[in-house]
């Protein structure tokens, strides 16, 4: 009997008195976290600027150069074809036929390239007004030439190009200035290490969106 009492007393003395009971960890030992976050990131909202519209001076110069170059090439081709079609037995070309082919080819190229170049720069002009201005230029050239094919070849192309560009620019609608776009961002993000009662570690991500 004294031996059993001695063994019981030794066992109770060796056992720790603060060992938690089974099933009581979640109640008696709450989650432990650090007071200071390990990493903090702050992102501000930034306005992204939009590209500014092209100025009218640059647009007009581009229309004149592009349409003029295309019209010169097409007019030269039209004049060459007119010359071939009007060759006589003396291997000479009729001046009137050459002038008609040149002016026609130049006018077709200008009628196409002026609206295309303007729309590339977002001018939003009317092709119909541009063609009307080109027709006025052609009529003015015919009045100045008075039936002279040589004068028509000199005055026709520049007046037609000027009328087409002027008509397109007069009908162009002004482009509204674009408002800067704003990107949504996260104000604050925190990464906090946490330790559970069972000794396991983890990361807690918190933030305001």
N, C-alpha and C. Protein backbone atom coordinates (compact mmCIF):
# COMPACT_ATOMS: atom_id res chain seq x y z
N UNK A 1 0.83 -1.21 0.00
CA UNK A 1 0.00 0.00 0.00
C UNK A 1 0.85 1.23 0.00
N UNK A 2 1.90 1.23 0.82
CA UNK A 2 2.82 2.38 0.85
C UNK A 2 3.57 2.52 -0.46
N UNK A 3 3.84 1.39 -1.17
CA UNK A 3 4.52 1.44 -2.46
C UNK A 3 3.63 2.09 -3.51
N UNK A 4 2.33 1.75 -3.53
CA UNK A 4 1.40 2.36 -4.49
C UNK A 4 1.24 3.84 -4.24
N UNK A 5 1.20 4.26 -2.97
CA UNK A 5 1.10 5.68 -2.64
C UNK A 5 2.31 6.45 -3.09
N UNK A 6 3.49 5.81 -2.95
CA UNK A 6 4.73 6.49 -3.39
C UNK A 6 4.77 6.68 -4.89
N UNK A 7 4.32 5.65 -5.66
CA UNK A 7 4.33 5.76 -7.13
C UNK A 7 3.35 6.83 -7.59
N UNK A 8 2.16 6.92 -6.96
CA UNK A 8 1.17 7.94 -7.33
C UNK A 8 1.67 9.35 -7.06
N UNK A 9 2.35 9.49 -5.88
CA UNK A 9 2.88 10.81 -5.54
C UNK A 9 3.96 11.24 -6.50
N UNK A 10 4.82 10.32 -6.95
CA UNK A 10 5.90 10.64 -7.90
C UNK A 10 5.35 11.00 -9.25
N UNK A 11 4.28 10.31 -9.68
CA UNK A 11 3.68 10.61 -11.00
C UNK A 11 3.05 11.99 -11.02
N UNK A 12 2.31 12.36 -9.97
CA UNK A 12 1.69 13.68 -9.91
C UNK A 12 2.71 14.80 -9.82
N UNK A 13 3.82 14.50 -9.14
CA UNK A 13 4.87 15.52 -9.04
C UNK A 13 5.55 15.76 -10.37
N UNK A 14 5.76 14.68 -11.17
CA UNK A 14 6.46 14.82 -12.46
C UNK A 14 5.57 15.39 -13.54
N UNK A 15 4.23 15.25 -13.50
CA UNK A 15 3.32 15.75 -14.55
C UNK A 15 3.15 17.25 -14.45
N UNK A 16 3.25 18.03 -15.58
CA UNK A 16 3.06 19.50 -15.54
C UNK A 16 1.64 19.85 -15.23
N UNK A 17 1.51 20.89 -14.46
CA UNK A 17 0.16 21.29 -14.06
C UNK A 17 -0.52 22.20 -15.04
N UNK A 18 0.22 22.78 -16.04
CA UNK A 18 -0.40 23.73 -16.98
C UNK A 18 -0.65 23.13 -18.34
N UNK A 19 -0.69 21.79 -18.44
CA UNK A 19 -0.97 21.17 -19.74
C UNK A 19 -2.44 21.38 -20.07
N UNK A 20 -2.77 21.96 -21.26
CA UNK A 20 -4.18 22.22 -21.59
C UNK A 20 -4.92 20.93 -21.86
N UNK A 21 -6.19 20.96 -21.52
CA UNK A 21 -7.03 19.81 -21.75
C UNK A 21 -7.39 19.71 -23.23
N UNK A 22 -7.75 18.49 -23.65
CA UNK A 22 -8.09 18.25 -25.07
C UNK A 22 -9.35 19.01 -25.44
N UNK A 23 -9.30 19.69 -26.60
CA UNK A 23 -10.47 20.44 -27.05
C UNK A 23 -10.58 21.83 -26.51
N UNK A 24 -9.63 22.26 -25.65
CA UNK A 24 -9.70 23.60 -25.07
C UNK A 24 -8.72 24.57 -25.68
N UNK A 25 -7.99 24.16 -26.77
CA UNK A 25 -6.96 25.05 -27.33
C UNK A 25 -7.59 26.28 -27.97
N UNK A 26 -8.71 26.07 -28.70
CA UNK A 26 -9.32 27.18 -29.42
C UNK A 26 -9.91 28.22 -28.49
N UNK A 27 -10.24 27.86 -27.24
CA UNK A 27 -10.88 28.79 -26.33
C UNK A 27 -9.86 29.51 -25.47
N UNK A 28 -8.86 28.78 -24.96
CA UNK A 28 -7.93 29.37 -24.01
C UNK A 28 -6.72 30.02 -24.66
N UNK A 29 -6.44 29.71 -25.96
CA UNK A 29 -5.26 30.24 -26.64
C UNK A 29 -5.70 30.92 -27.93
N UNK A 30 -5.99 32.21 -27.93
CA UNK A 30 -6.41 32.89 -29.17
C UNK A 30 -5.24 33.03 -30.14
N UNK A 31 -5.57 33.48 -31.36
CA UNK A 31 -4.55 33.67 -32.40
C UNK A 31 -3.59 34.78 -32.01
N UNK A 32 -2.31 34.48 -32.13
CA UNK A 32 -1.27 35.44 -31.79
C UNK A 32 -0.77 36.08 -33.08
N UNK A 33 -0.71 37.41 -33.16
CA UNK A 33 -0.21 38.14 -34.34
C UNK A 33 0.78 39.19 -33.88
N UNK A 34 1.60 39.62 -34.84
CA UNK A 34 2.54 40.70 -34.57
C UNK A 34 1.81 42.03 -34.65
N UNK A 35 2.22 42.98 -33.85
CA UNK A 35 1.57 44.29 -33.83
C UNK A 35 1.91 45.11 -35.06
N UNK A 36 3.15 45.03 -35.54
CA UNK A 36 3.59 45.83 -36.69
C UNK A 36 3.60 44.98 -37.93
N UNK A 37 3.05 45.45 -39.07
CA UNK A 37 3.09 44.68 -40.31
C UNK A 37 4.51 44.61 -40.86
N UNK A 38 4.78 43.49 -41.54
CA UNK A 38 6.11 43.31 -42.11
C UNK A 38 6.29 44.19 -43.34
N UNK A 39 5.31 44.26 -44.23
CA UNK A 39 5.43 45.06 -45.44
C UNK A 39 4.17 45.86 -45.71
N UNK A 40 4.32 47.08 -46.11
CA UNK A 40 3.18 47.95 -46.40
C UNK A 40 3.43 48.62 -47.74
N UNK A 41 2.43 48.60 -48.62
CA UNK A 41 2.56 49.20 -49.94
C UNK A 41 1.40 50.15 -50.16
N UNK A 42 1.70 51.38 -50.55
CA UNK A 42 0.68 52.39 -50.81
C UNK A 42 0.74 52.79 -52.28
N UNK A 43 -0.38 52.69 -52.99
CA UNK A 43 -0.47 53.02 -54.41
C UNK A 43 -1.50 54.12 -54.59
N UNK A 44 -1.14 55.18 -55.30
CA UNK A 44 -2.03 56.31 -55.53
C UNK A 44 -2.65 56.21 -56.92
N UNK A 45 -3.76 56.88 -57.09
CA UNK A 45 -4.43 56.94 -58.38
C UNK A 45 -3.70 57.93 -59.29
N UNK A 46 -3.35 57.48 -60.49
CA UNK A 46 -2.58 58.28 -61.44
C UNK A 46 -3.42 58.48 -62.69
N UNK A 47 -3.51 59.72 -63.16
CA UNK A 47 -4.24 60.05 -64.39
C UNK A 47 -3.34 59.84 -65.59
N UNK A 48 -3.80 59.05 -66.55
CA UNK A 48 -3.02 58.78 -67.74
C UNK A 48 -3.37 59.81 -68.82
N UNK A 49 -2.40 60.63 -69.27
CA UNK A 49 -2.71 61.65 -70.28
C UNK A 49 -2.97 61.03 -71.64
N UNK A 50 -3.93 61.59 -72.36
CA UNK A 50 -4.27 61.13 -73.70
C UNK A 50 -3.50 61.96 -74.73
N UNK A 51 -3.16 61.35 -75.89
CA UNK A 51 -2.45 62.11 -76.92
C UNK A 51 -3.29 63.27 -77.45
N UNK A 52 -2.65 64.39 -77.67
CA UNK A 52 -3.33 65.58 -78.16
C UNK A 52 -3.65 65.44 -79.65
N UNK A 53 -4.77 66.03 -80.12
CA UNK A 53 -5.10 65.95 -81.55
C UNK A 53 -4.10 66.73 -82.39
N UNK A 54 -3.95 66.32 -83.65
CA UNK A 54 -3.02 66.96 -84.57
C UNK A 54 -3.52 68.35 -84.94
N UNK A 55 -2.61 69.30 -85.01
CA UNK A 55 -2.99 70.67 -85.35
C UNK A 55 -3.43 70.75 -86.81
N UNK A 56 -4.22 71.78 -87.11
CA UNK A 56 -4.73 71.93 -88.48
C UNK A 56 -3.61 72.23 -89.46
N UNK A 57 -2.58 72.95 -89.04
CA UNK A 57 -1.47 73.27 -89.96
C UNK A 57 -0.77 72.00 -90.42
N UNK A 58 -0.47 71.12 -89.49
CA UNK A 58 0.18 69.86 -89.86
C UNK A 58 -0.73 69.02 -90.74
N UNK A 59 -2.02 69.03 -90.45
CA UNK A 59 -2.97 68.24 -91.24
C UNK A 59 -3.07 68.77 -92.67
N UNK A 60 -3.13 70.09 -92.84
CA UNK A 60 -3.23 70.68 -94.19
C UNK A 60 -1.97 70.40 -95.00
N UNK A 61 -0.81 70.55 -94.36
CA UNK A 61 0.45 70.27 -95.07
C UNK A 61 0.51 68.81 -95.50
N UNK A 62 0.06 67.92 -94.63
CA UNK A 62 0.07 66.49 -94.97
C UNK A 62 -0.88 66.20 -96.12
N UNK A 63 -2.05 66.80 -96.10
CA UNK A 63 -3.01 66.58 -97.19
C UNK A 63 -2.47 67.10 -98.52
N UNK A 64 -1.83 68.26 -98.51
CA UNK A 64 -1.29 68.83 -99.75
C UNK A 64 -0.17 67.96 -100.30
N UNK A 65 0.73 67.51 -99.40
CA UNK A 65 1.87 66.72 -99.86
C UNK A 65 1.44 65.34 -100.37
N UNK A 66 0.60 64.67 -99.60
CA UNK A 66 0.19 63.32 -99.99
C UNK A 66 -0.67 63.34 -101.24
N UNK A 67 -1.71 64.19 -101.24
CA UNK A 67 -2.58 64.25 -102.41
C UNK A 67 -1.85 64.80 -103.63
N UNK A 68 -0.95 65.77 -103.42
CA UNK A 68 -0.20 66.32 -104.55
C UNK A 68 0.72 65.29 -105.18
N UNK A 69 1.41 64.49 -104.35
CA UNK A 69 2.30 63.46 -104.89
C UNK A 69 1.51 62.39 -105.63
N UNK A 70 0.40 61.93 -105.02
CA UNK A 70 -0.41 60.92 -105.69
C UNK A 70 -1.02 61.47 -106.98
N UNK A 71 -1.46 62.74 -106.95
CA UNK A 71 -2.04 63.33 -108.15
C UNK A 71 -1.02 63.52 -109.27
N UNK A 72 0.22 63.86 -108.90
CA UNK A 72 1.25 64.03 -109.93
C UNK A 72 1.54 62.72 -110.65
N UNK A 73 1.65 61.64 -109.85
CA UNK A 73 1.92 60.34 -110.47
C UNK A 73 0.75 59.88 -111.34
N UNK A 74 -0.46 60.01 -110.82
CA UNK A 74 -1.62 59.58 -111.59
C UNK A 74 -1.85 60.47 -112.80
N UNK A 75 -1.62 61.78 -112.64
CA UNK A 75 -1.76 62.69 -113.78
C UNK A 75 -0.74 62.41 -114.87
N UNK A 76 0.49 62.10 -114.47
CA UNK A 76 1.51 61.75 -115.48
C UNK A 76 1.13 60.48 -116.23
N UNK A 77 0.59 59.52 -115.50
CA UNK A 77 0.14 58.29 -116.16
C UNK A 77 -1.02 58.57 -117.11
N UNK A 78 -1.98 59.42 -116.65
CA UNK A 78 -3.10 59.76 -117.53
C UNK A 78 -2.67 60.53 -118.76
N UNK A 79 -1.71 61.46 -118.60
CA UNK A 79 -1.21 62.18 -119.76
C UNK A 79 -0.47 61.29 -120.73
N UNK A 80 0.26 60.30 -120.19
CA UNK A 80 0.99 59.37 -121.06
C UNK A 80 0.03 58.50 -121.85
N UNK A 81 -1.02 58.02 -121.18
CA UNK A 81 -2.01 57.22 -121.89
C UNK A 81 -2.75 58.06 -122.93
N UNK A 82 -3.01 59.33 -122.59
CA UNK A 82 -3.66 60.21 -123.57
C UNK A 82 -2.76 60.48 -124.76
N UNK A 83 -1.48 60.56 -124.51
CA UNK A 83 -0.53 60.78 -125.61
C UNK A 83 -0.47 59.57 -126.53
N UNK A 84 -0.47 58.39 -125.91
CA UNK A 84 -0.42 57.18 -126.74
C UNK A 84 -1.69 57.07 -127.59
N UNK A 85 -2.82 57.42 -126.99
CA UNK A 85 -4.07 57.31 -127.74
C UNK A 85 -4.23 58.33 -128.83
N UNK A 86 -3.48 59.41 -128.77
CA UNK A 86 -3.63 60.47 -129.78
C UNK A 86 -2.42 60.58 -130.70
N UNK A 87 -1.60 59.55 -130.78
CA UNK A 87 -0.43 59.61 -131.66
C UNK A 87 -0.89 59.67 -133.12
N UNK A 88 -0.25 60.56 -133.86
CA UNK A 88 -0.56 60.70 -135.29
C UNK A 88 0.54 60.05 -136.11
N UNK A 89 0.38 60.17 -137.39
CA UNK A 89 1.39 59.57 -138.28
C UNK A 89 2.73 60.26 -138.14
N UNK A 90 2.75 61.51 -137.69
CA UNK A 90 4.03 62.21 -137.49
C UNK A 90 4.60 61.98 -136.10
N UNK A 91 4.05 61.00 -135.34
CA UNK A 91 4.52 60.65 -133.99
C UNK A 91 4.45 61.85 -133.05
N UNK A 92 3.37 62.60 -133.15
CA UNK A 92 3.14 63.73 -132.26
C UNK A 92 1.83 63.52 -131.52
N UNK A 93 1.78 64.04 -130.28
CA UNK A 93 0.60 63.87 -129.44
C UNK A 93 -0.28 65.12 -129.54
N UNK A 94 -1.58 64.89 -129.45
CA UNK A 94 -2.51 66.00 -129.41
C UNK A 94 -2.48 66.62 -128.01
N UNK A 95 -2.24 67.91 -127.94
CA UNK A 95 -2.08 68.58 -126.64
C UNK A 95 -3.35 68.54 -125.81
N UNK A 96 -4.49 68.64 -126.48
CA UNK A 96 -5.75 68.62 -125.76
C UNK A 96 -6.00 67.27 -125.08
N UNK A 97 -5.65 66.18 -125.77
CA UNK A 97 -5.84 64.84 -125.20
C UNK A 97 -4.91 64.61 -124.02
N UNK A 98 -3.68 65.08 -124.14
CA UNK A 98 -2.72 64.95 -123.03
C UNK A 98 -3.21 65.74 -121.82
N UNK A 99 -3.69 66.95 -122.04
CA UNK A 99 -4.18 67.78 -120.93
C UNK A 99 -5.39 67.14 -120.27
N UNK A 100 -6.28 66.57 -121.07
CA UNK A 100 -7.46 65.92 -120.50
C UNK A 100 -7.07 64.72 -119.64
N UNK A 101 -6.13 63.90 -120.13
CA UNK A 101 -5.69 62.74 -119.34
C UNK A 101 -4.98 63.16 -118.07
N UNK A 102 -4.16 64.21 -118.16
CA UNK A 102 -3.42 64.67 -116.99
C UNK A 102 -4.37 65.22 -115.92
N UNK A 103 -5.29 66.08 -116.32
CA UNK A 103 -6.20 66.69 -115.36
C UNK A 103 -7.14 65.65 -114.76
N UNK A 104 -7.58 64.71 -115.58
CA UNK A 104 -8.49 63.68 -115.07
C UNK A 104 -7.79 62.78 -114.04
N UNK A 105 -6.59 62.32 -114.37
CA UNK A 105 -5.85 61.48 -113.43
C UNK A 105 -5.51 62.21 -112.15
N UNK A 106 -5.10 63.46 -112.26
CA UNK A 106 -4.78 64.25 -111.07
C UNK A 106 -6.02 64.46 -110.20
N UNK A 107 -7.15 64.75 -110.83
CA UNK A 107 -8.37 65.00 -110.08
C UNK A 107 -8.86 63.76 -109.33
N UNK A 108 -8.78 62.59 -109.96
CA UNK A 108 -9.21 61.37 -109.29
C UNK A 108 -8.35 61.05 -108.07
N UNK A 109 -7.04 61.22 -108.21
CA UNK A 109 -6.15 60.94 -107.08
C UNK A 109 -6.39 61.92 -105.93
N UNK A 110 -6.60 63.19 -106.24
CA UNK A 110 -6.85 64.19 -105.20
C UNK A 110 -8.18 63.91 -104.50
N UNK A 111 -9.19 63.52 -105.27
CA UNK A 111 -10.50 63.25 -104.69
C UNK A 111 -10.46 62.09 -103.70
N UNK A 112 -9.54 61.17 -103.89
CA UNK A 112 -9.43 60.02 -102.98
C UNK A 112 -8.50 60.32 -101.81
N UNK A 113 -7.35 60.92 -102.07
CA UNK A 113 -6.31 61.04 -101.06
C UNK A 113 -6.57 62.15 -100.04
N UNK A 114 -7.24 63.21 -100.41
CA UNK A 114 -7.51 64.28 -99.44
C UNK A 114 -8.41 63.79 -98.31
N UNK A 115 -9.56 63.15 -98.59
CA UNK A 115 -10.36 62.62 -97.47
C UNK A 115 -9.66 61.53 -96.67
N UNK A 116 -8.90 60.68 -97.34
CA UNK A 116 -8.20 59.62 -96.62
C UNK A 116 -7.15 60.18 -95.68
N UNK A 117 -6.39 61.15 -96.14
CA UNK A 117 -5.37 61.75 -95.28
C UNK A 117 -6.00 62.51 -94.12
N UNK A 118 -7.09 63.23 -94.39
CA UNK A 118 -7.76 63.94 -93.31
C UNK A 118 -8.35 63.01 -92.27
N UNK A 119 -8.95 61.90 -92.72
CA UNK A 119 -9.51 60.94 -91.75
C UNK A 119 -8.43 60.24 -90.96
N UNK A 120 -7.24 60.12 -91.51
CA UNK A 120 -6.12 59.53 -90.75
C UNK A 120 -5.79 60.38 -89.53
N UNK A 121 -5.94 61.69 -89.64
CA UNK A 121 -5.69 62.60 -88.52
C UNK A 121 -6.97 62.93 -87.75
N UNK A 122 -8.04 62.16 -87.97
CA UNK A 122 -9.31 62.33 -87.25
C UNK A 122 -9.91 63.72 -87.45
N UNK A 123 -9.87 64.21 -88.69
CA UNK A 123 -10.45 65.52 -88.98
C UNK A 123 -11.97 65.45 -89.12
N UNK A 124 -12.51 64.32 -89.57
CA UNK A 124 -13.96 64.11 -89.72
C UNK A 124 -14.58 65.14 -90.66
N UNK A 125 -13.89 65.41 -91.78
CA UNK A 125 -14.43 66.30 -92.78
C UNK A 125 -15.36 65.57 -93.74
N UNK A 126 -16.05 66.31 -94.57
CA UNK A 126 -17.00 65.73 -95.52
C UNK A 126 -16.33 65.54 -96.88
N UNK A 127 -16.28 64.31 -97.41
CA UNK A 127 -15.73 64.13 -98.75
C UNK A 127 -16.55 64.86 -99.82
N UNK A 128 -17.87 64.99 -99.59
CA UNK A 128 -18.71 65.67 -100.59
C UNK A 128 -18.34 67.14 -100.72
N UNK A 129 -18.07 67.78 -99.61
CA UNK A 129 -17.66 69.19 -99.66
C UNK A 129 -16.29 69.31 -100.31
N UNK A 130 -15.40 68.33 -100.02
CA UNK A 130 -14.08 68.35 -100.65
C UNK A 130 -14.19 68.19 -102.16
N UNK A 131 -15.06 67.31 -102.62
CA UNK A 131 -15.23 67.12 -104.06
C UNK A 131 -15.88 68.35 -104.70
N UNK A 132 -16.78 69.00 -103.97
CA UNK A 132 -17.38 70.22 -104.49
C UNK A 132 -16.33 71.32 -104.65
N UNK A 133 -15.44 71.44 -103.66
CA UNK A 133 -14.36 72.42 -103.78
C UNK A 133 -13.41 72.11 -104.91
N UNK A 134 -13.15 70.82 -105.13
CA UNK A 134 -12.29 70.44 -106.25
C UNK A 134 -12.96 70.77 -107.59
N UNK A 135 -14.25 70.56 -107.67
CA UNK A 135 -14.97 70.90 -108.90
C UNK A 135 -14.94 72.41 -109.17
N UNK A 136 -15.05 73.21 -108.10
CA UNK A 136 -14.93 74.66 -108.27
C UNK A 136 -13.54 75.05 -108.77
N UNK A 137 -12.51 74.37 -108.25
CA UNK A 137 -11.16 74.65 -108.73
C UNK A 137 -10.99 74.28 -110.19
N UNK A 138 -11.58 73.14 -110.61
CA UNK A 138 -11.49 72.74 -112.01
C UNK A 138 -12.24 73.73 -112.90
N UNK A 139 -13.40 74.21 -112.44
CA UNK A 139 -14.14 75.20 -113.23
C UNK A 139 -13.39 76.50 -113.35
N UNK A 140 -12.71 76.91 -112.27
CA UNK A 140 -11.91 78.14 -112.34
C UNK A 140 -10.76 77.99 -113.31
N UNK A 141 -10.12 76.79 -113.30
CA UNK A 141 -9.01 76.56 -114.23
C UNK A 141 -9.49 76.57 -115.68
N UNK A 142 -10.65 76.01 -115.94
CA UNK A 142 -11.19 76.04 -117.30
C UNK A 142 -11.50 77.47 -117.74
N UNK A 143 -12.00 78.29 -116.81
CA UNK A 143 -12.29 79.68 -117.16
C UNK A 143 -11.02 80.46 -117.44
N UNK A 144 -9.97 80.19 -116.66
CA UNK A 144 -8.70 80.90 -116.87
C UNK A 144 -8.04 80.47 -118.17
N UNK A 145 -8.08 79.16 -118.47
CA UNK A 145 -7.39 78.66 -119.66
C UNK A 145 -8.06 79.10 -120.96
N UNK A 146 -9.38 79.30 -120.92
CA UNK A 146 -10.13 79.76 -122.10
C UNK A 146 -9.89 78.86 -123.31
N UNK A 147 -9.91 77.55 -123.07
CA UNK A 147 -9.73 76.60 -124.16
C UNK A 147 -8.29 76.31 -124.50
N UNK A 148 -7.34 76.91 -123.81
CA UNK A 148 -5.93 76.64 -124.07
C UNK A 148 -5.49 75.45 -123.23
N UNK A 149 -5.07 74.35 -123.91
CA UNK A 149 -4.69 73.13 -123.20
C UNK A 149 -3.45 73.34 -122.35
N UNK A 150 -2.51 74.13 -122.81
CA UNK A 150 -1.30 74.38 -122.04
C UNK A 150 -1.61 75.09 -120.73
N UNK A 151 -2.47 76.11 -120.77
CA UNK A 151 -2.85 76.80 -119.53
C UNK A 151 -3.62 75.88 -118.58
N UNK A 152 -4.46 75.01 -119.17
CA UNK A 152 -5.22 74.09 -118.33
C UNK A 152 -4.30 73.16 -117.55
N UNK A 153 -3.23 72.69 -118.19
CA UNK A 153 -2.28 71.81 -117.50
C UNK A 153 -1.53 72.54 -116.41
N UNK A 154 -1.33 73.85 -116.56
CA UNK A 154 -0.60 74.61 -115.54
C UNK A 154 -1.50 75.05 -114.39
N UNK A 155 -2.70 75.48 -114.67
CA UNK A 155 -3.58 76.02 -113.62
C UNK A 155 -4.54 74.98 -113.04
N UNK A 156 -4.84 73.93 -113.80
CA UNK A 156 -5.82 72.96 -113.33
C UNK A 156 -5.42 72.21 -112.05
N UNK A 157 -4.27 71.52 -112.01
CA UNK A 157 -3.91 70.74 -110.83
C UNK A 157 -3.82 71.54 -109.53
N UNK A 158 -3.11 72.69 -109.49
CA UNK A 158 -3.04 73.40 -108.20
C UNK A 158 -4.38 73.94 -107.72
N UNK A 159 -5.23 74.43 -108.65
CA UNK A 159 -6.54 74.94 -108.23
C UNK A 159 -7.45 73.82 -107.75
N UNK A 160 -7.39 72.67 -108.38
CA UNK A 160 -8.19 71.54 -107.93
C UNK A 160 -7.73 71.04 -106.56
N UNK A 161 -6.43 70.97 -106.34
CA UNK A 161 -5.91 70.54 -105.04
C UNK A 161 -6.28 71.53 -103.95
N UNK A 162 -6.15 72.83 -104.25
CA UNK A 162 -6.50 73.84 -103.25
C UNK A 162 -7.99 73.80 -102.91
N UNK A 163 -8.85 73.62 -103.91
CA UNK A 163 -10.28 73.54 -103.65
C UNK A 163 -10.66 72.32 -102.83
N UNK A 164 -10.02 71.18 -103.10
CA UNK A 164 -10.33 69.96 -102.36
C UNK A 164 -9.90 70.08 -100.90
N UNK A 165 -8.70 70.58 -100.65
CA UNK A 165 -8.21 70.72 -99.26
C UNK A 165 -9.03 71.76 -98.51
N UNK A 166 -9.32 72.89 -99.17
CA UNK A 166 -10.10 73.94 -98.50
C UNK A 166 -11.51 73.45 -98.15
N UNK A 167 -12.14 72.74 -99.08
CA UNK A 167 -13.49 72.22 -98.80
C UNK A 167 -13.49 71.20 -97.68
N UNK A 168 -12.49 70.35 -97.65
CA UNK A 168 -12.45 69.34 -96.58
C UNK A 168 -12.22 69.98 -95.22
N UNK A 169 -11.33 70.95 -95.15
CA UNK A 169 -11.01 71.57 -93.87
C UNK A 169 -12.16 72.45 -93.36
N UNK A 170 -12.90 73.08 -94.27
CA UNK A 170 -14.04 73.88 -93.84
C UNK A 170 -15.16 73.01 -93.27
N UNK A 171 -15.26 71.77 -93.75
CA UNK A 171 -16.31 70.88 -93.25
C UNK A 171 -15.83 70.00 -92.10
N UNK A 172 -14.57 70.13 -91.69
CA UNK A 172 -14.05 69.29 -90.61
C UNK A 172 -14.65 69.72 -89.27
N UNK A 173 -15.06 68.75 -88.48
CA UNK A 173 -15.62 69.02 -87.16
C UNK A 173 -14.51 69.05 -86.14
N UNK A 174 -14.54 70.02 -85.21
CA UNK A 174 -13.48 70.08 -84.19
C UNK A 174 -13.54 68.87 -83.29
N UNK A 175 -12.37 68.36 -82.96
CA UNK A 175 -12.26 67.19 -82.09
C UNK A 175 -12.25 67.63 -80.65
N UNK A 176 -13.13 67.04 -79.84
CA UNK A 176 -13.17 67.38 -78.41
C UNK A 176 -11.92 66.88 -77.71
N UNK A 177 -11.44 67.70 -76.77
CA UNK A 177 -10.23 67.32 -76.04
C UNK A 177 -10.53 66.12 -75.16
N UNK A 178 -9.74 65.05 -75.25
CA UNK A 178 -10.03 63.85 -74.46
C UNK A 178 -9.72 64.08 -72.98
N UNK A 179 -10.60 63.54 -72.13
CA UNK A 179 -10.38 63.65 -70.68
C UNK A 179 -9.42 62.56 -70.24
N UNK A 180 -8.54 62.87 -69.29
CA UNK A 180 -7.59 61.86 -68.83
C UNK A 180 -8.29 60.73 -68.11
N UNK A 181 -7.87 59.52 -68.39
CA UNK A 181 -8.44 58.35 -67.74
C UNK A 181 -7.72 58.08 -66.43
N UNK A 182 -8.48 57.63 -65.44
CA UNK A 182 -7.94 57.34 -64.13
C UNK A 182 -7.95 55.84 -63.89
N UNK A 183 -6.85 55.36 -63.36
CA UNK A 183 -6.71 53.93 -63.09
C UNK A 183 -7.01 53.67 -61.62
N UNK A 184 -7.87 52.68 -61.35
CA UNK A 184 -8.19 52.30 -59.98
C UNK A 184 -7.01 51.57 -59.36
N UNK A 185 -6.69 51.92 -58.12
CA UNK A 185 -5.54 51.32 -57.46
C UNK A 185 -5.88 50.95 -56.03
N UNK A 186 -5.00 50.20 -55.41
CA UNK A 186 -5.14 49.78 -54.02
C UNK A 186 -4.46 50.81 -53.13
N UNK A 187 -5.17 51.29 -52.09
CA UNK A 187 -4.59 52.31 -51.23
C UNK A 187 -3.54 51.75 -50.29
N UNK A 188 -3.80 50.60 -49.67
CA UNK A 188 -2.87 50.07 -48.70
C UNK A 188 -2.97 48.56 -48.65
N UNK A 189 -1.85 47.90 -48.68
CA UNK A 189 -1.77 46.45 -48.58
C UNK A 189 -0.78 46.10 -47.49
N UNK A 190 -1.19 45.26 -46.55
CA UNK A 190 -0.32 44.87 -45.44
C UNK A 190 -0.21 43.37 -45.40
N UNK A 191 0.98 42.87 -45.12
CA UNK A 191 1.25 41.45 -44.97
C UNK A 191 1.70 41.22 -43.53
N UNK A 192 0.91 40.46 -42.77
CA UNK A 192 1.15 40.28 -41.34
C UNK A 192 1.36 38.80 -41.06
N UNK A 193 2.51 38.41 -40.47
CA UNK A 193 2.70 37.00 -40.08
C UNK A 193 1.87 36.66 -38.84
N UNK A 194 1.31 35.47 -38.81
CA UNK A 194 0.50 35.03 -37.67
C UNK A 194 0.96 33.66 -37.22
N UNK A 195 0.74 33.37 -35.94
CA UNK A 195 1.14 32.10 -35.34
C UNK A 195 -0.06 31.53 -34.59
N UNK A 196 -0.39 30.31 -34.90
CA UNK A 196 -1.50 29.67 -34.25
C UNK A 196 -1.10 29.00 -32.95
N UNK A 197 -2.08 28.52 -32.20
CA UNK A 197 -1.78 27.85 -30.92
C UNK A 197 -1.04 26.53 -31.08
N UNK A 198 -1.15 25.93 -32.30
CA UNK A 198 -0.45 24.66 -32.50
C UNK A 198 0.96 24.85 -33.02
N UNK A 199 1.44 26.08 -33.05
CA UNK A 199 2.80 26.35 -33.49
C UNK A 199 2.95 26.57 -34.98
N UNK A 200 1.88 26.54 -35.76
CA UNK A 200 1.95 26.77 -37.20
C UNK A 200 1.96 28.27 -37.51
N UNK A 201 2.76 28.63 -38.51
CA UNK A 201 2.89 30.03 -38.91
C UNK A 201 2.21 30.25 -40.26
N UNK A 202 1.75 31.48 -40.50
CA UNK A 202 1.10 31.82 -41.76
C UNK A 202 1.18 33.31 -42.01
N UNK A 203 0.66 33.76 -43.17
CA UNK A 203 0.65 35.16 -43.56
C UNK A 203 -0.78 35.61 -43.76
N UNK A 204 -1.11 36.78 -43.26
CA UNK A 204 -2.42 37.39 -43.40
C UNK A 204 -2.26 38.63 -44.26
N UNK A 205 -2.98 38.69 -45.41
CA UNK A 205 -2.92 39.84 -46.33
C UNK A 205 -4.20 40.66 -46.12
N UNK A 206 -4.01 41.94 -45.81
CA UNK A 206 -5.13 42.83 -45.57
C UNK A 206 -4.92 44.11 -46.35
N UNK A 207 -5.99 44.79 -46.72
CA UNK A 207 -5.85 46.02 -47.47
C UNK A 207 -7.19 46.65 -47.75
N UNK A 208 -7.17 47.90 -48.25
CA UNK A 208 -8.36 48.63 -48.66
C UNK A 208 -8.32 48.82 -50.16
N UNK A 209 -9.40 48.42 -50.85
CA UNK A 209 -9.45 48.46 -52.31
C UNK A 209 -10.42 49.52 -52.76
